[in-house]
Protein backbone atom coordinates (compact mmCIF):
# COMPACT_ATOMS: atom_id res chain seq x y z
CA UNK A 1 0.00 0.00 0.00
CA UNK A 2 1.03 3.59 -0.34
CA UNK A 3 4.58 4.09 -1.51
CA UNK A 4 5.28 0.36 -1.56
CA UNK A 5 2.36 -0.50 -3.86
CA UNK A 6 3.16 -2.17 -7.18
CA UNK A 7 2.59 0.62 -9.69
CA UNK A 8 2.39 -1.62 -12.74
CA UNK A 9 2.79 -5.28 -13.48
CA UNK A 10 4.04 -6.80 -16.72
CA UNK A 11 3.29 -10.43 -17.48
CA UNK A 12 5.21 -13.00 -19.50
CA UNK A 13 2.75 -15.40 -21.09
CA UNK A 14 5.12 -16.56 -23.83
CA UNK A 15 5.14 -20.06 -22.33
CA UNK A 16 1.38 -20.46 -22.70
CA UNK A 17 0.18 -22.26 -25.83
CA UNK A 18 -3.10 -20.45 -26.46
CA UNK A 19 -4.07 -22.90 -29.20
CA UNK A 20 -4.04 -25.78 -26.71
CA UNK A 21 -7.10 -26.11 -24.47
CA UNK A 22 -5.13 -28.30 -22.05
CA UNK A 23 -2.29 -25.77 -21.76
CA UNK A 24 -4.64 -22.81 -21.25
CA UNK A 25 -6.60 -24.72 -18.58
CA UNK A 26 -3.38 -25.83 -16.85
CA UNK A 27 -2.20 -22.21 -16.74
CA UNK A 28 -5.59 -21.03 -15.48
CA UNK A 29 -5.49 -23.75 -12.79
CA UNK A 30 -2.06 -22.55 -11.69
CA UNK A 31 -3.22 -18.94 -11.41
CA UNK A 32 -6.54 -19.67 -9.71
CA UNK A 33 -5.04 -22.08 -7.16
CA UNK A 34 -2.20 -19.64 -6.53
CA UNK A 35 -4.66 -16.76 -6.10
CA UNK A 36 -6.65 -18.60 -3.46
CA UNK A 37 -3.55 -19.65 -1.53
CA UNK A 38 -2.12 -16.12 -1.83
CA UNK A 39 -5.20 -14.46 -0.33
CA UNK A 40 -5.35 -17.09 2.41
CA UNK A 41 -1.67 -16.66 3.18
CA UNK A 42 -1.75 -12.86 3.24
CA UNK A 43 -4.98 -12.40 5.20
CA UNK A 44 -3.17 -12.02 8.51
CA UNK A 45 -1.17 -9.13 7.04
CA UNK A 46 -4.31 -7.08 6.34
CA UNK A 47 -4.96 -4.90 9.38
CA UNK A 48 -7.86 -2.76 8.09
CA UNK A 49 -11.12 -4.71 8.62
CA UNK A 50 -12.65 -3.15 5.50
CA UNK A 51 -9.81 -4.42 3.33
CA UNK A 52 -9.95 -7.81 5.03
CA UNK A 53 -13.67 -8.03 4.23
CA UNK A 54 -12.97 -7.21 0.58
CA UNK A 55 -10.15 -9.77 0.44
CA UNK A 56 -12.52 -12.38 1.89
CA UNK A 57 -15.05 -11.66 -0.85
CA UNK A 58 -12.38 -11.87 -3.55
CA UNK A 59 -10.91 -15.15 -2.28
CA UNK A 60 -14.34 -16.78 -2.23
CA UNK A 61 -14.80 -15.93 -5.91
CA UNK A 62 -11.26 -17.09 -6.70
CA UNK A 63 -12.01 -20.41 -4.99
CA UNK A 64 -15.12 -20.88 -7.15
CA UNK A 65 -13.05 -20.11 -10.26
CA UNK A 66 -10.37 -22.59 -9.15
CA UNK A 67 -12.99 -25.32 -8.56
CA UNK A 68 -14.59 -24.69 -11.94
CA UNK A 69 -11.25 -24.84 -13.79
CA UNK A 70 -10.30 -28.06 -11.98
CA UNK A 71 -13.68 -29.56 -12.88
CA UNK A 72 -13.20 -28.60 -16.54
CA UNK A 73 -9.86 -30.42 -16.54
CA UNK A 74 -11.11 -33.51 -14.68
CA UNK A 75 -14.82 -33.73 -13.96
CA UNK A 76 -15.54 -34.05 -10.23
CA UNK A 77 -12.06 -32.97 -9.10
CA UNK A 78 -12.87 -29.47 -7.88
CA UNK A 79 -10.77 -29.88 -4.73
CA UNK A 80 -8.04 -32.32 -3.74
CA UNK A 81 -4.91 -32.57 -1.58
CA UNK A 82 -3.08 -30.07 -3.82
CA UNK A 83 -5.37 -27.26 -2.63
CA UNK A 84 -6.95 -28.56 0.58
CA UNK A 85 -4.91 -29.31 3.69
CA UNK A 86 -5.36 -32.20 6.16
CA UNK A 87 -7.89 -30.09 8.11
CA UNK A 88 -10.08 -29.67 5.03
CA UNK A 89 -9.10 -26.01 4.63
CA UNK A 90 -7.80 -24.27 1.54
CA UNK A 91 -4.02 -24.11 1.48
CA UNK A 92 -2.39 -20.81 2.49
CA UNK A 93 0.94 -19.67 1.02
CA UNK A 94 3.19 -16.83 2.12
CA UNK A 95 3.85 -13.92 -0.26
CA UNK A 96 7.38 -15.16 -0.97
CA UNK A 97 6.13 -18.65 -1.92
CA UNK A 98 3.39 -17.14 -4.10
CA UNK A 99 5.87 -14.85 -5.84
CA UNK A 100 8.24 -17.73 -6.47
CA UNK A 101 5.45 -19.80 -8.06
CA UNK A 102 4.24 -16.87 -10.18
CA UNK A 103 7.74 -15.74 -11.22
CA UNK A 104 7.76 -17.53 -14.61
CA UNK A 105 4.71 -15.48 -15.62
CA UNK A 106 5.85 -12.06 -14.33
CA UNK A 107 8.32 -9.71 -16.05
CA UNK A 108 8.19 -7.00 -13.37
CA UNK A 109 10.50 -7.08 -10.37
CA UNK A 110 8.56 -7.56 -7.12
CA UNK A 111 10.23 -7.53 -3.74
CA UNK A 112 8.37 -9.06 -0.78
CA UNK A 113 11.43 -9.43 1.41
CA UNK A 114 10.25 -6.73 3.83
CA UNK A 115 6.94 -8.46 4.55
CA UNK A 116 6.59 -10.36 7.83
CA UNK A 117 6.64 -14.15 7.64
CA UNK A 118 4.81 -16.67 9.75
C-alpha atoms as a PDB file:
ATOM      1  CA  UNK A   1       0.000   0.000   0.000  1.00  0.00           C
ATOM      2  CA  UNK A   2       1.026   3.592  -0.337  1.00  0.00           C
ATOM      3  CA  UNK A   3       4.583   4.093  -1.507  1.00  0.00           C
ATOM      4  CA  UNK A   4       5.275   0.359  -1.565  1.00  0.00           C
ATOM      5  CA  UNK A   5       2.362  -0.498  -3.859  1.00  0.00           C
ATOM      6  CA  UNK A   6       3.165  -2.174  -7.175  1.00  0.00           C
ATOM      7  CA  UNK A   7       2.593   0.621  -9.685  1.00  0.00           C
ATOM      8  CA  UNK A   8       2.395  -1.622 -12.740  1.00  0.00           C
ATOM      9  CA  UNK A   9       2.785  -5.281 -13.481  1.00  0.00           C
ATOM     10  CA  UNK A  10       4.037  -6.800 -16.721  1.00  0.00           C
ATOM     11  CA  UNK A  11       3.295 -10.432 -17.476  1.00  0.00           C
ATOM     12  CA  UNK A  12       5.214 -13.004 -19.500  1.00  0.00           C
ATOM     13  CA  UNK A  13       2.747 -15.400 -21.086  1.00  0.00           C
ATOM     14  CA  UNK A  14       5.117 -16.556 -23.826  1.00  0.00           C
ATOM     15  CA  UNK A  15       5.145 -20.062 -22.334  1.00  0.00           C
ATOM     16  CA  UNK A  16       1.376 -20.456 -22.702  1.00  0.00           C
ATOM     17  CA  UNK A  17       0.177 -22.258 -25.828  1.00  0.00           C
ATOM     18  CA  UNK A  18      -3.097 -20.447 -26.458  1.00  0.00           C
ATOM     19  CA  UNK A  19      -4.073 -22.903 -29.197  1.00  0.00           C
ATOM     20  CA  UNK A  20      -4.037 -25.778 -26.709  1.00  0.00           C
ATOM     21  CA  UNK A  21      -7.096 -26.114 -24.471  1.00  0.00           C
ATOM     22  CA  UNK A  22      -5.133 -28.304 -22.053  1.00  0.00           C
ATOM     23  CA  UNK A  23      -2.294 -25.775 -21.764  1.00  0.00           C
ATOM     24  CA  UNK A  24      -4.644 -22.814 -21.246  1.00  0.00           C
ATOM     25  CA  UNK A  25      -6.597 -24.723 -18.584  1.00  0.00           C
ATOM     26  CA  UNK A  26      -3.379 -25.829 -16.848  1.00  0.00           C
ATOM     27  CA  UNK A  27      -2.197 -22.206 -16.741  1.00  0.00           C
ATOM     28  CA  UNK A  28      -5.592 -21.034 -15.476  1.00  0.00           C
ATOM     29  CA  UNK A  29      -5.487 -23.751 -12.787  1.00  0.00           C
ATOM     30  CA  UNK A  30      -2.061 -22.551 -11.690  1.00  0.00           C
ATOM     31  CA  UNK A  31      -3.219 -18.937 -11.408  1.00  0.00           C
ATOM     32  CA  UNK A  32      -6.544 -19.670  -9.714  1.00  0.00           C
ATOM     33  CA  UNK A  33      -5.041 -22.077  -7.160  1.00  0.00           C
ATOM     34  CA  UNK A  34      -2.203 -19.643  -6.533  1.00  0.00           C
ATOM     35  CA  UNK A  35      -4.656 -16.758  -6.103  1.00  0.00           C
ATOM     36  CA  UNK A  36      -6.650 -18.597  -3.457  1.00  0.00           C
ATOM     37  CA  UNK A  37      -3.551 -19.654  -1.528  1.00  0.00           C
ATOM     38  CA  UNK A  38      -2.121 -16.116  -1.827  1.00  0.00           C
ATOM     39  CA  UNK A  39      -5.205 -14.459  -0.327  1.00  0.00           C
ATOM     40  CA  UNK A  40      -5.350 -17.093   2.408  1.00  0.00           C
ATOM     41  CA  UNK A  41      -1.675 -16.662   3.182  1.00  0.00           C
ATOM     42  CA  UNK A  42      -1.753 -12.863   3.240  1.00  0.00           C
ATOM     43  CA  UNK A  43      -4.979 -12.400   5.198  1.00  0.00           C
ATOM     44  CA  UNK A  44      -3.171 -12.022   8.506  1.00  0.00           C
ATOM     45  CA  UNK A  45      -1.166  -9.130   7.043  1.00  0.00           C
ATOM     46  CA  UNK A  46      -4.308  -7.082   6.342  1.00  0.00           C
ATOM     47  CA  UNK A  47      -4.959  -4.895   9.376  1.00  0.00           C
ATOM     48  CA  UNK A  48      -7.855  -2.759   8.090  1.00  0.00           C
ATOM     49  CA  UNK A  49     -11.118  -4.706   8.616  1.00  0.00           C
ATOM     50  CA  UNK A  50     -12.650  -3.150   5.501  1.00  0.00           C
ATOM     51  CA  UNK A  51      -9.806  -4.424   3.333  1.00  0.00           C
ATOM     52  CA  UNK A  52      -9.952  -7.812   5.032  1.00  0.00           C
ATOM     53  CA  UNK A  53     -13.671  -8.031   4.228  1.00  0.00           C
ATOM     54  CA  UNK A  54     -12.973  -7.214   0.580  1.00  0.00           C
ATOM     55  CA  UNK A  55     -10.147  -9.772   0.440  1.00  0.00           C
ATOM     56  CA  UNK A  56     -12.521 -12.376   1.887  1.00  0.00           C
ATOM     57  CA  UNK A  57     -15.048 -11.659  -0.846  1.00  0.00           C
ATOM     58  CA  UNK A  58     -12.381 -11.870  -3.551  1.00  0.00           C
ATOM     59  CA  UNK A  59     -10.907 -15.152  -2.279  1.00  0.00           C
ATOM     60  CA  UNK A  60     -14.344 -16.784  -2.227  1.00  0.00           C
ATOM     61  CA  UNK A  61     -14.800 -15.928  -5.906  1.00  0.00           C
ATOM     62  CA  UNK A  62     -11.258 -17.087  -6.701  1.00  0.00           C
ATOM     63  CA  UNK A  63     -12.011 -20.412  -4.988  1.00  0.00           C
ATOM     64  CA  UNK A  64     -15.115 -20.875  -7.152  1.00  0.00           C
ATOM     65  CA  UNK A  65     -13.045 -20.112 -10.261  1.00  0.00           C
ATOM     66  CA  UNK A  66     -10.375 -22.594  -9.147  1.00  0.00           C
ATOM     67  CA  UNK A  67     -12.986 -25.316  -8.561  1.00  0.00           C
ATOM     68  CA  UNK A  68     -14.595 -24.689 -11.943  1.00  0.00           C
ATOM     69  CA  UNK A  69     -11.247 -24.839 -13.792  1.00  0.00           C
ATOM     70  CA  UNK A  70     -10.302 -28.063 -11.980  1.00  0.00           C
ATOM     71  CA  UNK A  71     -13.681 -29.559 -12.879  1.00  0.00           C
ATOM     72  CA  UNK A  72     -13.204 -28.599 -16.539  1.00  0.00           C
ATOM     73  CA  UNK A  73      -9.858 -30.421 -16.543  1.00  0.00           C
ATOM     74  CA  UNK A  74     -11.107 -33.510 -14.685  1.00  0.00           C
ATOM     75  CA  UNK A  75     -14.824 -33.735 -13.960  1.00  0.00           C
ATOM     76  CA  UNK A  76     -15.538 -34.050 -10.233  1.00  0.00           C
ATOM     77  CA  UNK A  77     -12.063 -32.973  -9.104  1.00  0.00           C
ATOM     78  CA  UNK A  78     -12.874 -29.466  -7.883  1.00  0.00           C
ATOM     79  CA  UNK A  79     -10.766 -29.877  -4.728  1.00  0.00           C
ATOM     80  CA  UNK A  80      -8.039 -32.318  -3.736  1.00  0.00           C
ATOM     81  CA  UNK A  81      -4.913 -32.566  -1.581  1.00  0.00           C
ATOM     82  CA  UNK A  82      -3.082 -30.067  -3.816  1.00  0.00           C
ATOM     83  CA  UNK A  83      -5.371 -27.260  -2.635  1.00  0.00           C
ATOM     84  CA  UNK A  84      -6.946 -28.561   0.576  1.00  0.00           C
ATOM     85  CA  UNK A  85      -4.905 -29.312   3.695  1.00  0.00           C
ATOM     86  CA  UNK A  86      -5.361 -32.196   6.156  1.00  0.00           C
ATOM     87  CA  UNK A  87      -7.887 -30.093   8.108  1.00  0.00           C
ATOM     88  CA  UNK A  88     -10.082 -29.675   5.025  1.00  0.00           C
ATOM     89  CA  UNK A  89      -9.104 -26.012   4.625  1.00  0.00           C
ATOM     90  CA  UNK A  90      -7.799 -24.271   1.535  1.00  0.00           C
ATOM     91  CA  UNK A  91      -4.016 -24.110   1.477  1.00  0.00           C
ATOM     92  CA  UNK A  92      -2.385 -20.810   2.488  1.00  0.00           C
ATOM     93  CA  UNK A  93       0.945 -19.672   1.020  1.00  0.00           C
ATOM     94  CA  UNK A  94       3.194 -16.832   2.120  1.00  0.00           C
ATOM     95  CA  UNK A  95       3.847 -13.918  -0.255  1.00  0.00           C
ATOM     96  CA  UNK A  96       7.384 -15.160  -0.975  1.00  0.00           C
ATOM     97  CA  UNK A  97       6.135 -18.654  -1.918  1.00  0.00           C
ATOM     98  CA  UNK A  98       3.392 -17.136  -4.100  1.00  0.00           C
ATOM     99  CA  UNK A  99       5.866 -14.846  -5.837  1.00  0.00           C
ATOM    100  CA  UNK A 100       8.238 -17.729  -6.470  1.00  0.00           C
ATOM    101  CA  UNK A 101       5.450 -19.796  -8.060  1.00  0.00           C
ATOM    102  CA  UNK A 102       4.238 -16.871 -10.177  1.00  0.00           C
ATOM    103  CA  UNK A 103       7.736 -15.743 -11.222  1.00  0.00           C
ATOM    104  CA  UNK A 104       7.758 -17.526 -14.606  1.00  0.00           C
ATOM    105  CA  UNK A 105       4.708 -15.475 -15.618  1.00  0.00           C
ATOM    106  CA  UNK A 106       5.850 -12.061 -14.331  1.00  0.00           C
ATOM    107  CA  UNK A 107       8.317  -9.713 -16.048  1.00  0.00           C
ATOM    108  CA  UNK A 108       8.193  -6.996 -13.374  1.00  0.00           C
ATOM    109  CA  UNK A 109      10.496  -7.080 -10.368  1.00  0.00           C
ATOM    110  CA  UNK A 110       8.560  -7.556  -7.124  1.00  0.00           C
ATOM    111  CA  UNK A 111      10.233  -7.526  -3.740  1.00  0.00           C
ATOM    112  CA  UNK A 112       8.370  -9.056  -0.783  1.00  0.00           C
ATOM    113  CA  UNK A 113      11.434  -9.427   1.412  1.00  0.00           C
ATOM    114  CA  UNK A 114      10.251  -6.729   3.826  1.00  0.00           C
ATOM    115  CA  UNK A 115       6.940  -8.459   4.553  1.00  0.00           C
ATOM    116  CA  UNK A 116       6.589 -10.358   7.829  1.00  0.00           C
ATOM    117  CA  UNK A 117       6.643 -14.151   7.637  1.00  0.00           C
ATOM    118  CA  UNK A 118       4.806 -16.672   9.748  1.00  0.00           C
END
